[in-house]
Amino acid sequence: MAASLYLSPRMADALLWLGRYQQRLETLGKETLVQFDIVIDRDLHAGRKLFEKLGVGLSYTCATDFLKNACYGEHDASLYWISAQARENAITARDLLSDRLFGSVNGVHAALKHHQADNNLDAYELEQLLDEIEYFWGRLSTRLVKSRAAQFILLGQRIEMIDLKLRLYGEVDTLLEDAKQLNLLGSQLSDDWQVFQPLNYSLAQNMQTLAGVSAQVIRYANH
């Protein structure tokens, strides 16, 4: 029997998107730090090139300005906006999260909000916040009240990893292990899971296939 039957669609969706936003925050945060160093030393436009792959036109004048706009710019790829979405989904799924897990998500958002107010977030402090997200993943398997909730979060994490690798790097060959883990989780959550297999099609075709993945397990939860 598929584990998704035990969770309402609303809870399953919140958990899945919590996983997605946590992974998005971690990946984009790390990429932002990499590009920050490149903007300083080699290529002023490196940060723009990164965010263009996400459909965002980022304007900045120097490395510090790039970091500020990556974190707090008025666009849906800003780290602050992503952290807010993770927090909202954590609030929805609050009853299924331990205090430590919820506190981890809330703490990262609170820290980003604090530094937005004082305009004083630097690369070192951002790196520390990203370490907290790594702790979140480490605590996940033991800190959740119900393991099936962890499966939905991990499914969201894996979907987001594939999504971002496609957008940022476009190399299908690097997705095989991610797809394997995605299919393992999906088959545990839905008896009707259809295997996701990344192929050397266009980015749009792979993204379209990936877009239907979450609907399989959330729709199954409605049955």
N, C-alpha and C. Protein backbone atom coordinates (compact mmCIF):
# COMPACT_ATOMS: atom_id res chain seq x y z
N MET A 1 0.85 -1.20 0.00
CA MET A 1 0.00 0.00 0.00
C MET A 1 0.88 1.24 0.00
N ALA A 2 0.59 2.20 -0.85
CA ALA A 2 1.42 3.39 -0.97
C ALA A 2 1.31 4.27 0.26
N ALA A 3 2.45 4.83 0.67
CA ALA A 3 2.49 5.63 1.89
C ALA A 3 1.67 6.91 1.76
N SER A 4 1.49 7.41 0.53
CA SER A 4 0.78 8.67 0.35
C SER A 4 -0.66 8.62 0.81
N LEU A 5 -1.24 7.41 0.94
CA LEU A 5 -2.62 7.29 1.40
C LEU A 5 -2.79 7.81 2.82
N TYR A 6 -1.73 7.91 3.58
CA TYR A 6 -1.82 8.31 4.98
C TYR A 6 -1.78 9.82 5.18
N LEU A 7 -1.51 10.58 4.13
CA LEU A 7 -1.40 12.02 4.25
C LEU A 7 -2.44 12.70 3.37
N SER A 8 -2.99 13.81 3.84
CA SER A 8 -3.92 14.58 3.02
C SER A 8 -3.13 15.20 1.87
N PRO A 9 -3.80 15.49 0.75
CA PRO A 9 -3.11 16.16 -0.36
C PRO A 9 -2.44 17.46 0.07
N ARG A 10 -3.10 18.21 0.95
CA ARG A 10 -2.53 19.49 1.39
C ARG A 10 -1.22 19.29 2.13
N MET A 11 -1.18 18.31 3.03
CA MET A 11 0.03 18.03 3.78
C MET A 11 1.12 17.47 2.88
N ALA A 12 0.74 16.55 1.99
CA ALA A 12 1.72 15.96 1.08
C ALA A 12 2.34 17.04 0.21
N ASP A 13 1.52 17.95 -0.30
CA ASP A 13 2.01 19.03 -1.14
C ASP A 13 2.95 19.96 -0.37
N ALA A 14 2.58 20.29 0.87
CA ALA A 14 3.42 21.17 1.68
C ALA A 14 4.78 20.54 1.97
N LEU A 15 4.78 19.25 2.28
CA LEU A 15 6.03 18.55 2.56
C LEU A 15 6.92 18.49 1.33
N LEU A 16 6.30 18.17 0.20
CA LEU A 16 7.07 18.08 -1.04
C LEU A 16 7.70 19.43 -1.38
N TRP A 17 6.92 20.50 -1.24
CA TRP A 17 7.45 21.82 -1.57
C TRP A 17 8.43 22.33 -0.53
N LEU A 18 8.28 21.89 0.69
CA LEU A 18 9.31 22.20 1.69
C LEU A 18 10.65 21.63 1.23
N GLY A 19 10.64 20.38 0.77
CA GLY A 19 11.86 19.78 0.27
C GLY A 19 12.42 20.50 -0.93
N ARG A 20 11.53 20.92 -1.83
CA ARG A 20 11.97 21.63 -3.03
C ARG A 20 12.60 22.97 -2.67
N TYR A 21 11.93 23.73 -1.82
CA TYR A 21 12.46 25.06 -1.50
C TYR A 21 13.74 24.99 -0.67
N GLN A 22 13.84 24.01 0.21
CA GLN A 22 15.07 23.84 0.97
C GLN A 22 16.24 23.52 0.03
N GLN A 23 16.01 22.64 -0.92
CA GLN A 23 17.06 22.29 -1.86
C GLN A 23 17.40 23.47 -2.78
N ARG A 24 16.37 24.21 -3.20
CA ARG A 24 16.60 25.38 -4.05
C ARG A 24 17.43 26.42 -3.31
N LEU A 25 17.10 26.63 -2.05
CA LEU A 25 17.84 27.60 -1.25
C LEU A 25 19.30 27.19 -1.10
N GLU A 26 19.53 25.91 -0.84
CA GLU A 26 20.90 25.43 -0.67
C GLU A 26 21.68 25.53 -1.99
N THR A 27 21.10 25.04 -3.07
CA THR A 27 21.82 25.03 -4.34
C THR A 27 22.10 26.44 -4.84
N LEU A 28 21.08 27.29 -4.85
CA LEU A 28 21.29 28.65 -5.34
C LEU A 28 22.19 29.45 -4.41
N GLY A 29 22.10 29.16 -3.11
CA GLY A 29 23.00 29.83 -2.18
C GLY A 29 24.45 29.49 -2.46
N LYS A 30 24.72 28.23 -2.68
CA LYS A 30 26.10 27.80 -2.99
C LYS A 30 26.56 28.37 -4.32
N GLU A 31 25.68 28.35 -5.32
CA GLU A 31 26.04 28.91 -6.63
C GLU A 31 26.28 30.42 -6.53
N THR A 32 25.49 31.08 -5.70
CA THR A 32 25.68 32.51 -5.50
C THR A 32 27.05 32.81 -4.91
N LEU A 33 27.48 32.00 -3.95
CA LEU A 33 28.81 32.20 -3.36
C LEU A 33 29.92 31.95 -4.38
N VAL A 34 29.75 30.94 -5.22
CA VAL A 34 30.74 30.67 -6.26
C VAL A 34 30.84 31.86 -7.22
N GLN A 35 29.68 32.33 -7.67
CA GLN A 35 29.68 33.44 -8.62
C GLN A 35 30.14 34.74 -7.97
N PHE A 36 29.89 34.90 -6.69
CA PHE A 36 30.37 36.07 -5.95
C PHE A 36 31.89 36.17 -6.06
N ASP A 37 32.58 35.05 -5.84
CA ASP A 37 34.04 35.05 -5.95
C ASP A 37 34.49 35.33 -7.38
N ILE A 38 33.77 34.80 -8.36
CA ILE A 38 34.13 35.03 -9.76
C ILE A 38 33.91 36.48 -10.14
N VAL A 39 32.83 37.07 -9.65
CA VAL A 39 32.56 38.49 -9.93
C VAL A 39 33.68 39.36 -9.38
N ILE A 40 34.19 39.00 -8.21
CA ILE A 40 35.28 39.77 -7.59
C ILE A 40 36.54 39.69 -8.44
N ASP A 41 36.89 38.48 -8.86
CA ASP A 41 38.22 38.24 -9.42
C ASP A 41 38.30 38.20 -10.94
N ARG A 42 37.21 37.75 -11.61
CA ARG A 42 37.39 37.42 -13.02
C ARG A 42 36.35 38.02 -13.96
N ASP A 43 35.07 37.90 -13.61
CA ASP A 43 34.03 38.25 -14.58
C ASP A 43 32.88 38.95 -13.88
N LEU A 44 32.75 40.24 -14.12
CA LEU A 44 31.69 41.02 -13.47
C LEU A 44 30.31 40.50 -13.82
N HIS A 45 30.17 39.87 -14.99
CA HIS A 45 28.86 39.45 -15.47
C HIS A 45 28.50 38.02 -15.07
N ALA A 46 29.34 37.35 -14.33
CA ALA A 46 29.10 35.94 -13.99
C ALA A 46 27.78 35.76 -13.23
N GLY A 47 27.48 36.65 -12.33
CA GLY A 47 26.24 36.55 -11.56
C GLY A 47 25.01 36.70 -12.44
N ARG A 48 25.09 37.59 -13.42
CA ARG A 48 23.98 37.77 -14.34
C ARG A 48 23.73 36.50 -15.14
N LYS A 49 24.81 35.86 -15.57
CA LYS A 49 24.69 34.65 -16.37
C LYS A 49 24.00 33.53 -15.58
N LEU A 50 24.32 33.44 -14.29
CA LEU A 50 23.67 32.44 -13.44
C LEU A 50 22.17 32.68 -13.38
N PHE A 51 21.76 33.88 -13.07
CA PHE A 51 20.34 34.15 -12.87
C PHE A 51 19.55 34.20 -14.17
N GLU A 52 20.22 34.47 -15.27
CA GLU A 52 19.55 34.41 -16.57
C GLU A 52 19.04 33.00 -16.84
N LYS A 53 19.75 31.99 -16.37
CA LYS A 53 19.33 30.60 -16.55
C LYS A 53 18.06 30.30 -15.76
N LEU A 54 17.74 31.15 -14.80
CA LEU A 54 16.53 31.00 -14.01
C LEU A 54 15.44 31.97 -14.45
N GLY A 55 15.69 32.65 -15.55
CA GLY A 55 14.71 33.58 -16.08
C GLY A 55 14.67 34.91 -15.37
N VAL A 56 15.75 35.26 -14.69
CA VAL A 56 15.81 36.51 -13.92
C VAL A 56 16.90 37.41 -14.50
N GLY A 57 16.53 38.65 -14.78
CA GLY A 57 17.51 39.64 -15.21
C GLY A 57 18.01 40.40 -14.00
N LEU A 58 19.23 40.10 -13.57
CA LEU A 58 19.77 40.68 -12.34
C LEU A 58 20.68 41.86 -12.68
N SER A 59 20.44 42.99 -12.01
CA SER A 59 21.27 44.17 -12.22
C SER A 59 22.10 44.44 -10.97
N TYR A 60 23.38 44.69 -11.16
CA TYR A 60 24.27 45.02 -10.04
C TYR A 60 25.52 45.70 -10.58
N THR A 61 26.25 46.34 -9.70
CA THR A 61 27.43 47.12 -10.12
C THR A 61 28.75 46.54 -9.65
N CYS A 62 28.70 45.67 -8.63
CA CYS A 62 29.92 45.09 -8.09
C CYS A 62 29.55 43.80 -7.36
N ALA A 63 30.53 43.11 -6.81
CA ALA A 63 30.28 41.83 -6.15
C ALA A 63 29.35 41.97 -4.95
N THR A 64 29.55 42.99 -4.16
CA THR A 64 28.70 43.20 -3.00
C THR A 64 27.25 43.47 -3.41
N ASP A 65 27.10 44.25 -4.45
CA ASP A 65 25.77 44.55 -4.97
C ASP A 65 25.12 43.28 -5.55
N PHE A 66 25.94 42.45 -6.20
CA PHE A 66 25.43 41.17 -6.71
C PHE A 66 24.89 40.31 -5.56
N LEU A 67 25.66 40.20 -4.49
CA LEU A 67 25.24 39.38 -3.35
C LEU A 67 23.93 39.91 -2.77
N LYS A 68 23.82 41.22 -2.65
CA LYS A 68 22.60 41.82 -2.11
C LYS A 68 21.40 41.52 -2.99
N ASN A 69 21.56 41.65 -4.30
CA ASN A 69 20.44 41.42 -5.21
C ASN A 69 20.09 39.94 -5.34
N ALA A 70 21.09 39.07 -5.22
CA ALA A 70 20.83 37.63 -5.24
C ALA A 70 20.04 37.22 -4.01
N CYS A 71 20.33 37.86 -2.89
CA CYS A 71 19.66 37.51 -1.64
C CYS A 71 18.32 38.22 -1.47
N TYR A 72 18.23 39.47 -1.89
CA TYR A 72 17.05 40.28 -1.54
C TYR A 72 16.39 41.00 -2.71
N GLY A 73 16.82 40.70 -3.93
CA GLY A 73 16.21 41.36 -5.08
C GLY A 73 14.74 41.01 -5.21
N GLU A 74 14.01 41.85 -5.92
CA GLU A 74 12.56 41.65 -6.08
C GLU A 74 12.30 40.69 -7.24
N HIS A 75 12.61 39.43 -7.01
CA HIS A 75 12.40 38.37 -8.00
C HIS A 75 12.24 37.06 -7.25
N ASP A 76 11.65 36.06 -7.91
CA ASP A 76 11.33 34.81 -7.23
C ASP A 76 12.48 33.81 -7.20
N ALA A 77 13.69 34.28 -7.52
CA ALA A 77 14.87 33.45 -7.31
C ALA A 77 15.74 34.02 -6.19
N SER A 78 15.26 35.04 -5.49
CA SER A 78 16.04 35.60 -4.38
C SER A 78 16.05 34.62 -3.22
N LEU A 79 17.16 34.55 -2.54
CA LEU A 79 17.29 33.59 -1.44
C LEU A 79 16.29 33.89 -0.32
N TYR A 80 16.03 35.16 -0.10
CA TYR A 80 15.07 35.52 0.95
C TYR A 80 13.66 35.05 0.58
N TRP A 81 13.26 35.24 -0.67
CA TRP A 81 11.94 34.80 -1.13
C TRP A 81 11.82 33.28 -1.02
N ILE A 82 12.86 32.58 -1.43
CA ILE A 82 12.83 31.11 -1.37
C ILE A 82 12.71 30.64 0.07
N SER A 83 13.47 31.28 0.97
CA SER A 83 13.40 30.89 2.39
C SER A 83 12.01 31.15 2.96
N ALA A 84 11.35 32.21 2.50
CA ALA A 84 9.99 32.50 2.96
C ALA A 84 9.02 31.42 2.50
N GLN A 85 9.20 30.92 1.28
CA GLN A 85 8.34 29.85 0.79
C GLN A 85 8.57 28.56 1.55
N ALA A 86 9.83 28.26 1.86
CA ALA A 86 10.13 27.08 2.68
C ALA A 86 9.46 27.19 4.04
N ARG A 87 9.53 28.35 4.63
CA ARG A 87 8.93 28.56 5.95
C ARG A 87 7.41 28.40 5.91
N GLU A 88 6.76 28.95 4.88
CA GLU A 88 5.30 28.83 4.77
C GLU A 88 4.87 27.37 4.66
N ASN A 89 5.61 26.59 3.91
CA ASN A 89 5.26 25.17 3.79
C ASN A 89 5.57 24.42 5.08
N ALA A 90 6.61 24.83 5.79
CA ALA A 90 6.91 24.22 7.09
C ALA A 90 5.80 24.52 8.09
N ILE A 91 5.24 25.73 8.03
CA ILE A 91 4.13 26.08 8.92
C ILE A 91 2.92 25.20 8.63
N THR A 92 2.64 24.99 7.35
CA THR A 92 1.51 24.14 6.97
C THR A 92 1.69 22.72 7.51
N ALA A 93 2.92 22.21 7.43
CA ALA A 93 3.20 20.84 7.85
C ALA A 93 3.74 20.76 9.27
N ARG A 94 3.49 21.79 10.06
CA ARG A 94 4.13 21.92 11.38
C ARG A 94 3.92 20.69 12.26
N ASP A 95 2.75 20.09 12.23
CA ASP A 95 2.46 18.96 13.10
C ASP A 95 3.28 17.72 12.76
N LEU A 96 3.85 17.68 11.57
CA LEU A 96 4.64 16.53 11.15
C LEU A 96 6.14 16.74 11.29
N LEU A 97 6.52 17.92 11.77
CA LEU A 97 7.93 18.26 11.91
C LEU A 97 8.31 18.35 13.38
N SER A 98 9.52 17.93 13.69
CA SER A 98 10.01 18.12 15.05
C SER A 98 10.31 19.60 15.29
N ASP A 99 10.47 19.97 16.54
CA ASP A 99 10.83 21.35 16.87
C ASP A 99 12.16 21.74 16.24
N ARG A 100 13.11 20.81 16.23
CA ARG A 100 14.42 21.11 15.67
C ARG A 100 14.35 21.35 14.16
N LEU A 101 13.58 20.53 13.47
CA LEU A 101 13.46 20.70 12.03
C LEU A 101 12.75 22.00 11.69
N PHE A 102 11.63 22.25 12.37
CA PHE A 102 10.91 23.49 12.10
C PHE A 102 11.77 24.69 12.47
N GLY A 103 12.47 24.59 13.60
CA GLY A 103 13.34 25.68 14.04
C GLY A 103 14.46 25.95 13.06
N SER A 104 14.95 24.91 12.41
CA SER A 104 16.00 25.09 11.42
C SER A 104 15.51 25.92 10.24
N VAL A 105 14.34 25.58 9.71
CA VAL A 105 13.77 26.31 8.58
C VAL A 105 13.45 27.74 9.00
N ASN A 106 12.82 27.90 10.14
CA ASN A 106 12.42 29.22 10.62
C ASN A 106 13.64 30.08 10.93
N GLY A 107 14.69 29.45 11.47
CA GLY A 107 15.89 30.19 11.86
C GLY A 107 16.62 30.78 10.66
N VAL A 108 16.71 30.03 9.58
CA VAL A 108 17.36 30.53 8.37
C VAL A 108 16.59 31.73 7.82
N HIS A 109 15.26 31.59 7.78
CA HIS A 109 14.45 32.70 7.28
C HIS A 109 14.59 33.93 8.18
N ALA A 110 14.58 33.72 9.49
CA ALA A 110 14.69 34.85 10.44
C ALA A 110 16.03 35.55 10.28
N ALA A 111 17.10 34.77 10.07
CA ALA A 111 18.43 35.37 9.90
C ALA A 111 18.50 36.19 8.62
N LEU A 112 17.93 35.67 7.55
CA LEU A 112 17.92 36.43 6.30
C LEU A 112 17.08 37.70 6.44
N LYS A 113 15.97 37.60 7.15
CA LYS A 113 15.12 38.78 7.37
C LYS A 113 15.85 39.82 8.20
N HIS A 114 16.58 39.36 9.21
CA HIS A 114 17.34 40.28 10.07
C HIS A 114 18.38 41.04 9.25
N HIS A 115 19.09 40.32 8.40
CA HIS A 115 20.14 40.97 7.62
C HIS A 115 19.57 41.83 6.49
N GLN A 116 18.35 41.55 6.09
CA GLN A 116 17.70 42.44 5.13
C GLN A 116 17.46 43.79 5.78
N ALA A 117 17.09 43.76 7.04
CA ALA A 117 16.81 45.01 7.76
C ALA A 117 18.08 45.82 8.02
N ASP A 118 19.17 45.12 8.39
CA ASP A 118 20.40 45.87 8.70
C ASP A 118 21.35 45.98 7.51
N ASN A 119 20.96 45.36 6.36
CA ASN A 119 21.75 45.46 5.13
C ASN A 119 23.19 45.03 5.35
N ASN A 120 23.36 43.90 6.07
CA ASN A 120 24.71 43.54 6.50
C ASN A 120 24.99 42.05 6.33
N LEU A 121 24.40 41.42 5.33
CA LEU A 121 24.69 40.01 5.08
C LEU A 121 25.94 39.90 4.22
N ASP A 122 26.94 39.19 4.71
CA ASP A 122 28.14 38.98 3.89
C ASP A 122 28.26 37.52 3.49
N ALA A 123 29.26 37.22 2.68
CA ALA A 123 29.41 35.87 2.13
C ALA A 123 29.64 34.84 3.23
N TYR A 124 30.38 35.19 4.25
CA TYR A 124 30.65 34.25 5.34
C TYR A 124 29.36 33.89 6.08
N GLU A 125 28.53 34.88 6.36
CA GLU A 125 27.27 34.61 7.07
C GLU A 125 26.31 33.80 6.22
N LEU A 126 26.31 34.05 4.91
CA LEU A 126 25.48 33.24 4.01
C LEU A 126 25.95 31.79 4.04
N GLU A 127 27.25 31.59 4.03
CA GLU A 127 27.79 30.23 4.08
C GLU A 127 27.35 29.52 5.36
N GLN A 128 27.31 30.21 6.47
CA GLN A 128 26.85 29.62 7.73
C GLN A 128 25.38 29.22 7.65
N LEU A 129 24.56 30.04 7.01
CA LEU A 129 23.15 29.71 6.86
C LEU A 129 22.97 28.46 5.99
N LEU A 130 23.80 28.33 4.98
CA LEU A 130 23.73 27.14 4.12
C LEU A 130 24.14 25.89 4.89
N ASP A 131 25.07 26.04 5.84
CA ASP A 131 25.43 24.91 6.70
C ASP A 131 24.23 24.44 7.51
N GLU A 132 23.38 25.37 7.91
CA GLU A 132 22.19 25.01 8.67
C GLU A 132 21.23 24.16 7.84
N ILE A 133 21.17 24.43 6.54
CA ILE A 133 20.33 23.61 5.68
C ILE A 133 20.90 22.21 5.56
N GLU A 134 22.21 22.07 5.53
CA GLU A 134 22.81 20.74 5.52
C GLU A 134 22.46 19.99 6.80
N TYR A 135 22.42 20.69 7.92
CA TYR A 135 22.01 20.06 9.18
C TYR A 135 20.55 19.61 9.10
N PHE A 136 19.72 20.40 8.43
CA PHE A 136 18.31 20.03 8.24
C PHE A 136 18.21 18.67 7.57
N TRP A 137 18.96 18.48 6.49
CA TRP A 137 18.92 17.19 5.78
C TRP A 137 19.43 16.07 6.67
N GLY A 138 20.46 16.36 7.47
CA GLY A 138 21.01 15.35 8.36
C GLY A 138 20.04 14.93 9.45
N ARG A 139 19.24 15.87 9.93
CA ARG A 139 18.29 15.58 10.99
C ARG A 139 17.00 14.93 10.48
N LEU A 140 16.80 15.02 9.19
CA LEU A 140 15.50 14.68 8.63
C LEU A 140 15.05 13.26 8.97
N SER A 141 15.92 12.30 8.82
CA SER A 141 15.50 10.90 8.96
C SER A 141 15.14 10.54 10.39
N THR A 142 15.70 11.25 11.37
CA THR A 142 15.46 10.88 12.76
C THR A 142 14.55 11.85 13.50
N ARG A 143 14.34 13.03 12.95
CA ARG A 143 13.61 14.06 13.69
C ARG A 143 12.15 14.19 13.31
N LEU A 144 11.74 13.55 12.25
CA LEU A 144 10.33 13.62 11.88
C LEU A 144 9.51 12.64 12.72
N VAL A 145 8.30 13.04 13.03
CA VAL A 145 7.43 12.15 13.79
C VAL A 145 7.03 10.95 12.94
N LYS A 146 6.80 11.16 11.66
CA LYS A 146 6.31 10.09 10.78
C LYS A 146 7.22 10.00 9.56
N SER A 147 7.77 8.81 9.32
CA SER A 147 8.76 8.66 8.26
C SER A 147 8.19 8.91 6.88
N ARG A 148 6.92 8.67 6.66
CA ARG A 148 6.34 8.93 5.33
C ARG A 148 6.40 10.41 5.00
N ALA A 149 6.34 11.26 6.01
CA ALA A 149 6.50 12.69 5.77
C ALA A 149 7.90 12.98 5.24
N ALA A 150 8.88 12.29 5.79
CA ALA A 150 10.25 12.46 5.31
C ALA A 150 10.37 12.07 3.85
N GLN A 151 9.64 11.04 3.45
CA GLN A 151 9.71 10.59 2.06
C GLN A 151 9.22 11.68 1.11
N PHE A 152 8.16 12.40 1.49
CA PHE A 152 7.67 13.47 0.64
C PHE A 152 8.68 14.62 0.57
N ILE A 153 9.30 14.94 1.68
CA ILE A 153 10.32 16.00 1.67
C ILE A 153 11.49 15.59 0.79
N LEU A 154 11.93 14.35 0.93
CA LEU A 154 13.06 13.88 0.13
C LEU A 154 12.70 13.78 -1.35
N LEU A 155 11.44 13.45 -1.65
CA LEU A 155 11.00 13.45 -3.04
C LEU A 155 11.09 14.86 -3.61
N GLY A 156 10.62 15.84 -2.84
CA GLY A 156 10.72 17.23 -3.28
C GLY A 156 12.17 17.65 -3.49
N GLN A 157 13.04 17.23 -2.57
CA GLN A 157 14.46 17.55 -2.71
C GLN A 157 15.01 17.00 -4.02
N ARG A 158 14.68 15.75 -4.32
CA ARG A 158 15.23 15.12 -5.52
C ARG A 158 14.66 15.76 -6.79
N ILE A 159 13.37 16.10 -6.80
CA ILE A 159 12.79 16.80 -7.95
C ILE A 159 13.51 18.11 -8.19
N GLU A 160 13.75 18.85 -7.11
CA GLU A 160 14.41 20.15 -7.25
C GLU A 160 15.85 20.01 -7.72
N MET A 161 16.55 18.99 -7.25
CA MET A 161 17.93 18.78 -7.70
C MET A 161 17.97 18.55 -9.20
N ILE A 162 17.06 17.72 -9.70
CA ILE A 162 17.02 17.46 -11.14
C ILE A 162 16.63 18.72 -11.90
N ASP A 163 15.62 19.43 -11.41
CA ASP A 163 15.16 20.66 -12.04
C ASP A 163 16.31 21.66 -12.19
N LEU A 164 17.04 21.88 -11.11
CA LEU A 164 18.11 22.88 -11.14
C LEU A 164 19.29 22.42 -11.98
N LYS A 165 19.60 21.14 -11.95
CA LYS A 165 20.69 20.65 -12.79
C LYS A 165 20.35 20.83 -14.27
N LEU A 166 19.10 20.60 -14.63
CA LEU A 166 18.68 20.82 -16.00
C LEU A 166 18.78 22.29 -16.38
N ARG A 167 18.31 23.17 -15.50
CA ARG A 167 18.32 24.60 -15.80
C ARG A 167 19.73 25.19 -15.81
N LEU A 168 20.53 24.81 -14.83
CA LEU A 168 21.83 25.44 -14.66
C LEU A 168 22.93 24.81 -15.49
N TYR A 169 22.85 23.50 -15.69
CA TYR A 169 23.95 22.80 -16.34
C TYR A 169 23.54 22.09 -17.63
N GLY A 170 22.31 21.62 -17.70
CA GLY A 170 21.81 21.01 -18.92
C GLY A 170 22.47 19.72 -19.33
N GLU A 171 23.10 19.03 -18.38
CA GLU A 171 23.80 17.79 -18.70
C GLU A 171 23.00 16.61 -18.18
N VAL A 172 22.34 15.91 -19.09
CA VAL A 172 21.47 14.80 -18.71
C VAL A 172 22.24 13.66 -18.06
N ASP A 173 23.48 13.44 -18.51
CA ASP A 173 24.27 12.32 -17.99
C ASP A 173 24.51 12.42 -16.48
N THR A 174 24.47 13.62 -15.93
CA THR A 174 24.72 13.80 -14.50
C THR A 174 23.48 13.49 -13.66
N LEU A 175 22.36 13.21 -14.31
CA LEU A 175 21.09 13.06 -13.59
C LEU A 175 20.73 11.61 -13.29
N LEU A 176 21.53 10.67 -13.74
CA LEU A 176 21.13 9.27 -13.64
C LEU A 176 20.95 8.82 -12.20
N GLU A 177 21.86 9.18 -11.32
CA GLU A 177 21.73 8.78 -9.91
C GLU A 177 20.57 9.50 -9.25
N ASP A 178 20.39 10.78 -9.58
CA ASP A 178 19.25 11.52 -9.04
C ASP A 178 17.93 10.89 -9.49
N ALA A 179 17.86 10.50 -10.76
CA ALA A 179 16.64 9.87 -11.28
C ALA A 179 16.39 8.54 -10.60
N LYS A 180 17.45 7.81 -10.32
CA LYS A 180 17.32 6.52 -9.62
C LYS A 180 16.70 6.72 -8.25
N GLN A 181 17.20 7.71 -7.51
CA GLN A 181 16.68 7.99 -6.17
C GLN A 181 15.25 8.53 -6.24
N LEU A 182 14.97 9.35 -7.24
CA LEU A 182 13.62 9.87 -7.42
C LEU A 182 12.64 8.73 -7.67
N ASN A 183 13.00 7.81 -8.53
CA ASN A 183 12.11 6.69 -8.84
C ASN A 183 11.92 5.76 -7.65
N LEU A 184 12.95 5.61 -6.84
CA LEU A 184 12.82 4.78 -5.64
C LEU A 184 11.81 5.39 -4.68
N LEU A 185 11.95 6.69 -4.43
CA LEU A 185 11.01 7.38 -3.54
C LEU A 185 9.60 7.38 -4.13
N GLY A 186 9.49 7.66 -5.41
CA GLY A 186 8.18 7.71 -6.04
C GLY A 186 7.45 6.39 -5.97
N SER A 187 8.17 5.29 -6.18
CA SER A 187 7.55 3.97 -6.13
C SER A 187 7.11 3.60 -4.72
N GLN A 188 7.76 4.19 -3.70
CA GLN A 188 7.37 3.97 -2.32
C GLN A 188 6.12 4.76 -1.95
N LEU A 189 5.89 5.85 -2.66
CA LEU A 189 4.77 6.73 -2.34
C LEU A 189 3.54 6.49 -3.20
N SER A 190 3.71 5.86 -4.34
CA SER A 190 2.58 5.62 -5.23
C SER A 190 2.71 4.26 -5.91
N ASP A 191 1.66 3.47 -5.82
CA ASP A 191 1.65 2.18 -6.51
C ASP A 191 1.57 2.35 -8.03
N ASP A 192 1.19 3.55 -8.49
CA ASP A 192 1.04 3.81 -9.92
C ASP A 192 2.19 4.66 -10.48
N TRP A 193 3.29 4.68 -9.77
CA TRP A 193 4.43 5.52 -10.18
C TRP A 193 4.92 5.14 -11.57
N GLN A 194 5.13 6.15 -12.41
CA GLN A 194 5.70 5.95 -13.73
C GLN A 194 7.14 6.44 -13.72
N VAL A 195 8.04 5.58 -14.13
CA VAL A 195 9.48 5.84 -14.02
C VAL A 195 9.86 7.12 -14.78
N PHE A 196 10.60 7.98 -14.10
CA PHE A 196 11.17 9.17 -14.74
C PHE A 196 12.55 8.81 -15.27
N GLN A 197 12.76 9.06 -16.55
CA GLN A 197 14.04 8.75 -17.16
C GLN A 197 14.50 9.95 -17.97
N PRO A 198 15.51 10.69 -17.49
CA PRO A 198 16.01 11.83 -18.25
C PRO A 198 16.67 11.36 -19.54
N LEU A 199 16.30 12.01 -20.64
CA LEU A 199 16.82 11.63 -21.94
C LEU A 199 17.45 12.84 -22.63
N ASN A 200 18.17 12.58 -23.68
CA ASN A 200 18.85 13.65 -24.39
C ASN A 200 17.90 14.39 -25.32
N TYR A 201 16.79 14.82 -24.76
CA TYR A 201 15.85 15.66 -25.48
C TYR A 201 16.19 17.12 -25.19
N SER A 202 15.35 18.00 -25.63
CA SER A 202 15.54 19.41 -25.32
C SER A 202 15.27 19.65 -23.84
N LEU A 203 15.77 20.76 -23.35
CA LEU A 203 15.51 21.14 -21.96
C LEU A 203 14.01 21.21 -21.70
N ALA A 204 13.26 21.77 -22.64
CA ALA A 204 11.81 21.92 -22.45
C ALA A 204 11.12 20.57 -22.32
N GLN A 205 11.54 19.59 -23.10
CA GLN A 205 10.92 18.26 -23.03
C GLN A 205 11.21 17.58 -21.70
N ASN A 206 12.45 17.66 -21.24
CA ASN A 206 12.79 17.06 -19.95
C ASN A 206 12.07 17.77 -18.81
N MET A 207 11.95 19.08 -18.90
CA MET A 207 11.28 19.84 -17.86
C MET A 207 9.79 19.53 -17.83
N GLN A 208 9.21 19.33 -19.00
CA GLN A 208 7.79 18.98 -19.06
C GLN A 208 7.52 17.63 -18.42
N THR A 209 8.40 16.67 -18.67
CA THR A 209 8.26 15.35 -18.05
C THR A 209 8.41 15.45 -16.54
N LEU A 210 9.40 16.21 -16.09
CA LEU A 210 9.63 16.36 -14.66
C LEU A 210 8.45 17.04 -13.98
N ALA A 211 7.80 17.97 -14.68
CA ALA A 211 6.68 18.71 -14.10
C ALA A 211 5.53 17.81 -13.70
N GLY A 212 5.40 16.67 -14.36
CA GLY A 212 4.30 15.77 -14.03
C GLY A 212 4.58 14.80 -12.91
N VAL A 213 5.80 14.81 -12.40
CA VAL A 213 6.20 13.83 -11.40
C VAL A 213 5.43 13.99 -10.09
N SER A 214 5.40 15.21 -9.56
CA SER A 214 4.75 15.42 -8.25
C SER A 214 3.26 15.13 -8.32
N ALA A 215 2.65 15.38 -9.48
CA ALA A 215 1.21 15.15 -9.62
C ALA A 215 0.86 13.67 -9.44
N GLN A 216 1.79 12.80 -9.74
CA GLN A 216 1.53 11.37 -9.57
C GLN A 216 1.26 11.02 -8.11
N VAL A 217 2.11 11.49 -7.20
CA VAL A 217 1.95 11.12 -5.80
C VAL A 217 0.90 11.96 -5.09
N ILE A 218 0.76 13.21 -5.46
CA ILE A 218 -0.25 14.05 -4.82
C ILE A 218 -1.63 13.64 -5.29
N ARG A 219 -1.79 13.36 -6.55
CA ARG A 219 -3.08 12.89 -7.07
C ARG A 219 -3.44 11.54 -6.45
N TYR A 220 -2.45 10.69 -6.28
CA TYR A 220 -2.69 9.37 -5.70
C TYR A 220 -3.18 9.51 -4.26
N ALA A 221 -2.68 10.58 -3.59
CA ALA A 221 -3.14 10.80 -2.21
C ALA A 221 -4.62 11.13 -2.15
N ASN A 222 -5.20 11.58 -3.26
CA ASN A 222 -6.62 11.93 -3.29
C ASN A 222 -7.51 10.69 -3.42
N HIS A 223 -6.96 9.58 -3.89
CA HIS A 223 -7.79 8.39 -4.15
C HIS A 223 -8.35 7.80 -2.85
